[in-house]
């Protein structure tokens, strides 16, 4: 794996490297250690998470490829965060890069390649309400998009799957007879079962009839046996054509929001989404306001 290194950018962040008074015996460079980290993490992470790490790794290699592990400092990391933020990157993206950097350095620390971990600050992110499609928007979307996009949109809004989970979903994971979908590969590394409602049952039954012989994945690309992997851009193109805004993950938010608005408890939604903690699911709790009003109205009569 090769990365393009911008010397001017590297000098801005790294500055003049000075040796400590008693430099450590181990002089492993960041770029030399990364392949070892990737070999280990490949088998501990699902495919979509691993691919995301590779994309976050590129800017880290630009800065620290030839730098010794023990020379990476808190000040350098702060300067990198400032540079990325000024370049227009979202705070979440910057934090994701730093999470990966922390994981790499933590592995190096456990292997005694560095004597201490540099402090890696985390940028504070103001939580915004999740983006979801209203029932009216969803109806218009399903009526207007091309057939393939409609196929996967219907699955996502009736299951709440992440895009990576949908990409990994195989027909062997779909039990139409017992109306359940088994999610074996997830971000939280937790197996979960999603019931198949009537609408989804009818849709999946039609997709099963139209599937190619020996088709493994629910959605495959042109190559048999290879999953389709670009739901993001497929939906983005259709939304742009229709003059709408949104993204694939908004379909997961739509699934959760519609459930909460129809009275399903946060704890049940948590299980369906596969969240490790109910705190993550609380972003939908404001949608329960009508139900909370009904709850306190029982006190109207003394």
Protein backbone atom coordinates (compact mmCIF):
# COMPACT_ATOMS: atom_id res chain seq x y z
CA UNK A 1 0.00 0.00 0.00
CA UNK A 2 1.43 3.37 -1.00
CA UNK A 3 0.43 6.87 -0.01
CA UNK A 4 1.31 10.24 -1.48
CA UNK A 5 3.11 12.38 1.03
CA UNK A 6 2.97 16.18 0.83
CA UNK A 7 6.23 17.50 2.28
CA UNK A 8 4.92 21.00 2.94
CA UNK A 9 1.94 19.62 4.86
CA UNK A 10 4.18 17.27 6.79
CA UNK A 11 6.56 20.11 7.75
CA UNK A 12 3.59 22.19 8.92
CA UNK A 13 2.47 19.46 11.31
CA UNK A 14 5.68 17.67 12.28
CA UNK A 15 7.97 20.67 12.40
CA UNK A 16 11.56 20.04 13.33
CA UNK A 17 11.97 16.62 14.85
CA UNK A 18 14.22 16.56 17.89
CA UNK A 19 15.68 13.49 19.52
CA UNK A 20 15.02 12.94 23.22
CA UNK A 21 18.03 13.03 25.50
CA UNK A 22 17.89 9.22 25.79
CA UNK A 23 16.20 7.96 22.60
CA UNK A 24 14.58 4.50 22.86
CA UNK A 25 16.30 1.51 21.36
CA UNK A 26 13.28 0.66 19.21
CA UNK A 27 13.13 2.94 16.20
CA UNK A 28 10.10 1.68 14.30
CA UNK A 29 8.55 4.14 11.89
CA UNK A 30 4.81 4.70 11.76
CA UNK A 31 4.62 3.52 8.16
CA UNK A 32 6.53 0.34 9.02
CA UNK A 33 4.15 -0.56 11.84
CA UNK A 34 0.88 0.14 10.00
CA UNK A 35 0.91 -3.09 7.89
CA UNK A 36 1.21 -5.14 11.09
CA UNK A 37 -1.74 -3.26 12.61
CA UNK A 38 -3.82 -3.86 9.49
CA UNK A 39 -3.02 -7.58 9.46
CA UNK A 40 -4.36 -7.89 13.01
CA UNK A 41 -7.38 -5.59 12.66
CA UNK A 42 -8.52 -7.21 9.40
CA UNK A 43 -9.74 -10.25 11.33
CA UNK A 44 -11.24 -8.27 14.22
CA UNK A 45 -13.39 -5.85 12.27
CA UNK A 46 -16.16 -6.30 9.75
CA UNK A 47 -15.44 -5.48 6.13
CA UNK A 48 -17.10 -2.06 6.03
CA UNK A 49 -15.30 -0.89 9.20
CA UNK A 50 -11.98 -2.13 7.86
CA UNK A 51 -12.54 -0.33 4.54
CA UNK A 52 -13.39 2.87 6.42
CA UNK A 53 -10.16 2.56 8.40
CA UNK A 54 -8.21 2.35 5.15
CA UNK A 55 -9.73 5.63 3.97
CA UNK A 56 -8.88 7.32 7.31
CA UNK A 57 -5.37 5.89 7.19
CA UNK A 58 -4.32 7.81 4.07
CA UNK A 59 -4.10 11.29 5.71
CA UNK A 60 -2.30 9.75 8.70
CA UNK A 61 0.32 8.28 6.40
CA UNK A 62 0.74 11.64 4.67
CA UNK A 63 1.80 13.13 7.99
CA UNK A 64 3.57 10.36 9.85
CA UNK A 65 4.69 7.71 7.33
CA UNK A 66 8.45 8.18 7.95
CA UNK A 67 8.16 9.43 11.53
CA UNK A 68 9.32 7.18 14.35
CA UNK A 69 6.44 6.05 16.55
CA UNK A 70 7.94 7.59 19.68
CA UNK A 71 8.19 10.99 17.92
CA UNK A 72 4.44 11.37 17.45
CA UNK A 73 3.33 13.96 20.01
CA UNK A 74 0.20 15.50 21.44
CA UNK A 75 1.16 18.83 19.86
CA UNK A 76 1.47 17.28 16.40
CA UNK A 77 -1.93 15.64 16.72
CA UNK A 78 -3.52 18.93 17.77
CA UNK A 79 -1.91 20.69 14.80
CA UNK A 80 -3.25 17.98 12.48
CA UNK A 81 -6.75 18.42 13.88
CA UNK A 82 -6.55 22.19 13.31
CA UNK A 83 -5.29 21.72 9.75
CA UNK A 84 -8.05 19.24 8.90
CA UNK A 85 -10.74 21.43 10.43
CA UNK A 86 -9.55 24.49 8.47
CA UNK A 87 -9.63 22.34 5.32
CA UNK A 88 -13.37 21.88 5.88
CA UNK A 89 -13.48 18.39 7.37
CA UNK A 90 -16.32 17.54 9.73
CA UNK A 91 -15.42 17.11 13.38
CA UNK A 92 -16.75 13.56 13.28
CA UNK A 93 -14.37 12.70 10.43
CA UNK A 94 -11.46 14.22 12.34
CA UNK A 95 -12.40 12.24 15.45
CA UNK A 96 -12.61 9.04 13.40
CA UNK A 97 -9.09 9.63 12.11
CA UNK A 98 -7.85 10.18 15.65
CA UNK A 99 -9.61 7.03 16.89
CA UNK A 100 -7.70 5.05 14.27
CA UNK A 101 -4.42 6.77 15.19
CA UNK A 102 -5.07 5.98 18.85
CA UNK A 103 -5.74 2.30 18.06
CA UNK A 104 -2.48 2.04 16.09
CA UNK A 105 -0.41 3.71 18.83
CA UNK A 106 -2.13 1.67 21.54
CA UNK A 107 -1.10 -1.53 19.80
CA UNK A 108 2.46 -0.19 19.52
CA UNK A 109 2.40 0.66 23.22
CA UNK A 110 1.24 -2.83 24.18
CA UNK A 111 4.08 -4.26 22.11
CA UNK A 112 6.57 -2.01 23.95
CA UNK A 113 7.44 -0.06 20.81
CA UNK A 114 6.67 3.22 22.59
CA UNK A 115 7.04 3.98 26.29
CA UNK A 116 3.87 6.08 26.59
CA UNK A 117 0.76 7.04 24.68
CA UNK A 118 0.48 10.66 23.52
CA UNK A 119 -2.71 12.39 24.63
CA UNK A 120 -5.15 12.45 21.72
CA UNK A 121 -7.86 15.08 22.24
CA UNK A 122 -11.37 14.45 20.97
CA UNK A 123 -13.29 17.28 19.35
CA UNK A 124 -16.64 18.07 20.90
CA UNK A 125 -19.54 17.55 18.54
CA UNK A 126 -22.90 19.22 19.05
CA UNK A 127 -25.54 16.57 18.53
CA UNK A 128 -28.03 17.42 15.80
CA UNK A 129 -31.42 15.77 15.38
CA UNK A 130 -31.11 12.83 12.98
CA UNK A 131 -32.22 13.35 9.40
CA UNK A 132 -35.13 11.18 8.33
CA UNK A 133 -37.77 11.14 5.60
CA UNK A 134 -41.37 11.98 6.46
CA UNK A 135 -44.10 9.59 5.34
CA UNK A 136 -44.96 11.98 2.49
CA UNK A 137 -41.31 12.21 1.37
CA UNK A 138 -40.93 8.46 1.60
CA UNK A 139 -44.01 7.83 -0.54
CA UNK A 140 -42.74 10.26 -3.17
CA UNK A 141 -39.30 8.66 -3.08
CA UNK A 142 -40.65 5.14 -3.57
CA UNK A 143 -42.92 6.29 -6.39
CA UNK A 144 -40.18 8.16 -8.25
CA UNK A 145 -36.84 6.34 -8.00
CA UNK A 146 -35.68 3.72 -10.46
CA UNK A 147 -36.58 0.09 -9.63
CA UNK A 148 -33.23 -1.04 -8.19
CA UNK A 149 -33.05 1.92 -5.80
CA UNK A 150 -36.66 1.33 -4.76
CA UNK A 151 -35.75 -2.30 -4.02
CA UNK A 152 -33.06 -1.48 -1.48
CA UNK A 153 -34.85 1.58 -0.05
CA UNK A 154 -37.84 -0.60 0.82
CA UNK A 155 -35.58 -3.10 2.58
CA UNK A 156 -33.79 -0.40 4.57
CA UNK A 157 -36.90 1.46 5.76
CA UNK A 158 -38.48 -1.81 6.95
CA UNK A 159 -35.37 -3.23 8.66
CA UNK A 160 -33.25 -0.27 9.80
CA UNK A 161 -30.13 -2.00 8.47
CA UNK A 162 -26.86 -0.14 8.09
CA UNK A 163 -25.54 0.04 4.53
CA UNK A 164 -22.69 -2.30 5.47
CA UNK A 165 -25.13 -4.81 6.93
CA UNK A 166 -27.24 -4.70 3.78
CA UNK A 167 -24.18 -5.22 1.61
CA UNK A 168 -23.23 -8.33 3.63
CA UNK A 169 -26.78 -9.74 3.72
CA UNK A 170 -27.10 -13.12 2.00
CA UNK A 171 -30.20 -15.08 1.08
CA UNK A 172 -29.14 -17.74 3.57
CA UNK A 173 -29.59 -15.09 6.30
CA UNK A 174 -33.20 -14.47 5.26
CA UNK A 175 -35.75 -16.96 6.60
CA UNK A 176 -38.96 -16.19 4.73
CA UNK A 177 -40.75 -19.23 6.17
CA UNK A 178 -40.32 -17.94 9.73
CA UNK A 179 -40.26 -14.28 8.72
CA UNK A 180 -36.93 -13.25 10.20
CA UNK A 181 -33.60 -11.82 9.06
CA UNK A 182 -30.39 -12.82 10.86
CA UNK A 183 -27.77 -10.08 11.06
CA UNK A 184 -24.43 -11.78 11.65
CA UNK A 185 -22.08 -8.94 10.70
CA UNK A 186 -22.73 -5.62 12.41
CA UNK A 187 -20.94 -2.51 13.65
CA UNK A 188 -21.57 -3.50 17.27
CA UNK A 189 -20.42 -7.11 16.61
CA UNK A 190 -23.74 -8.33 18.04
CA UNK A 191 -25.91 -10.93 16.36
CA UNK A 192 -29.53 -9.84 16.09
CA UNK A 193 -32.77 -10.96 14.49
CA UNK A 194 -35.11 -8.59 12.65
CA UNK A 195 -38.71 -9.71 12.12
CA UNK A 196 -40.08 -9.45 8.58
CA UNK A 197 -43.35 -7.49 8.40
CA UNK A 198 -46.02 -8.01 5.74
CA UNK A 199 -44.75 -5.33 3.35
CA UNK A 200 -41.17 -6.59 3.54
CA UNK A 201 -42.29 -10.21 3.20
CA UNK A 202 -44.06 -9.47 -0.08
CA UNK A 203 -41.10 -7.45 -1.37
CA UNK A 204 -38.48 -10.06 -0.46
CA UNK A 205 -40.61 -12.82 -1.96
CA UNK A 206 -40.61 -10.97 -5.30
CA UNK A 207 -36.85 -10.36 -5.08
CA UNK A 208 -36.34 -14.07 -4.40
CA UNK A 209 -38.32 -14.95 -7.53
CA UNK A 210 -36.26 -12.52 -9.64
CA UNK A 211 -32.89 -13.52 -8.18
CA UNK A 212 -30.33 -15.10 -10.48
CA UNK A 213 -29.60 -18.83 -10.07
CA UNK A 214 -27.01 -19.39 -7.32
CA UNK A 215 -27.21 -15.75 -6.20
CA UNK A 216 -25.63 -15.55 -2.73
CA UNK A 217 -26.27 -11.96 -1.72
CA UNK A 218 -29.60 -10.18 -1.56
CA UNK A 219 -28.14 -7.43 -3.76
CA UNK A 220 -25.30 -8.30 -6.10
CA UNK A 221 -23.38 -6.33 -8.68
CA UNK A 222 -22.70 -7.45 -12.20
CA UNK A 223 -20.34 -10.18 -10.97
CA UNK A 224 -22.21 -13.18 -9.57
CA UNK A 225 -21.23 -13.88 -5.99
CA UNK A 226 -20.02 -10.31 -5.30
CA UNK A 227 -22.20 -7.96 -3.21
CA UNK A 228 -23.36 -4.62 -4.56
CA UNK A 229 -21.52 -2.01 -2.53
CA UNK A 230 -22.45 1.51 -3.59
CA UNK A 231 -25.89 2.14 -2.13
CA UNK A 232 -24.72 5.60 -1.05
CA UNK A 233 -24.13 7.02 -4.53
CA UNK A 234 -27.03 5.12 -6.09
CA UNK A 235 -29.46 6.85 -3.71
CA UNK A 236 -27.61 10.18 -3.84
CA UNK A 237 -28.01 10.37 -7.63
CA UNK A 238 -31.75 9.71 -7.39
CA UNK A 239 -32.25 12.26 -4.61
CA UNK A 240 -30.40 14.89 -6.63
CA UNK A 241 -32.55 14.11 -9.68
CA UNK A 242 -35.69 14.53 -7.57
CA UNK A 243 -34.50 17.72 -5.89
CA UNK A 244 -34.39 16.05 -2.47
CA UNK A 245 -31.68 15.94 0.19
CA UNK A 246 -30.64 12.97 2.28
CA UNK A 247 -28.35 9.97 2.40
CA UNK A 248 -28.52 6.20 2.89
CA UNK A 249 -28.18 6.31 6.70
CA UNK A 250 -31.25 8.59 6.82
CA UNK A 251 -33.28 5.51 5.84
CA UNK A 252 -32.15 3.84 9.09
CA UNK A 253 -33.21 6.98 10.97
CA UNK A 254 -36.53 6.84 9.09
CA UNK A 255 -37.11 3.27 10.25
CA UNK A 256 -36.45 4.20 13.88
CA UNK A 257 -38.40 7.47 13.76
CA UNK A 258 -41.51 5.85 12.28
CA UNK A 259 -41.43 3.18 15.00
CA UNK A 260 -41.11 5.72 17.83
CA UNK A 261 -43.83 7.96 16.37
CA UNK A 262 -46.16 4.95 16.31
CA UNK A 263 -45.63 4.19 19.98
CA UNK A 264 -42.86 1.57 19.92
CA UNK A 265 -40.65 1.90 23.01
CA UNK A 266 -37.07 3.16 22.82
CA UNK A 267 -35.88 -0.15 24.25
CA UNK A 268 -37.56 -2.16 21.50
CA UNK A 269 -36.13 0.19 18.87
CA UNK A 270 -32.69 -0.28 20.44
CA UNK A 271 -32.89 -4.04 19.93
CA UNK A 272 -34.08 -3.72 16.35
CA UNK A 273 -31.29 -1.28 15.49
CA UNK A 274 -28.65 -3.35 17.26
CA UNK A 275 -27.40 -0.49 19.44
CA UNK A 276 -25.03 -1.54 22.20
CA UNK A 277 -26.49 1.09 24.55
CA UNK A 278 -29.93 2.65 24.83
CA UNK A 279 -28.18 6.03 25.13
CA UNK A 280 -27.48 5.87 21.39
CA UNK A 281 -31.17 5.26 20.71
CA UNK A 282 -32.18 8.27 22.84
CA UNK A 283 -31.63 10.57 19.83
CA UNK A 284 -35.16 9.53 18.80
CA UNK A 285 -36.72 10.13 22.23
CA UNK A 286 -37.96 13.65 21.37
CA UNK A 287 -40.39 12.02 18.95
CA UNK A 288 -42.22 10.54 21.93
CA UNK A 289 -43.55 13.94 23.04
CA UNK A 290 -47.12 13.19 21.95
CA UNK A 291 -47.11 9.94 23.86
CA UNK A 292 -45.70 11.70 26.93
CA UNK A 293 -48.54 14.22 26.72
CA UNK A 294 -51.05 11.38 26.68
CA UNK A 295 -49.28 9.88 29.66
CA UNK A 296 -49.54 12.98 31.87
CA UNK A 297 -53.14 13.60 30.76
CA UNK A 298 -54.19 10.69 33.00
CA UNK A 299 -53.65 13.14 35.89
CA UNK A 300 -56.32 15.54 34.61
CA UNK A 301 -59.04 13.98 36.78
CA UNK A 302 -58.67 13.93 40.56
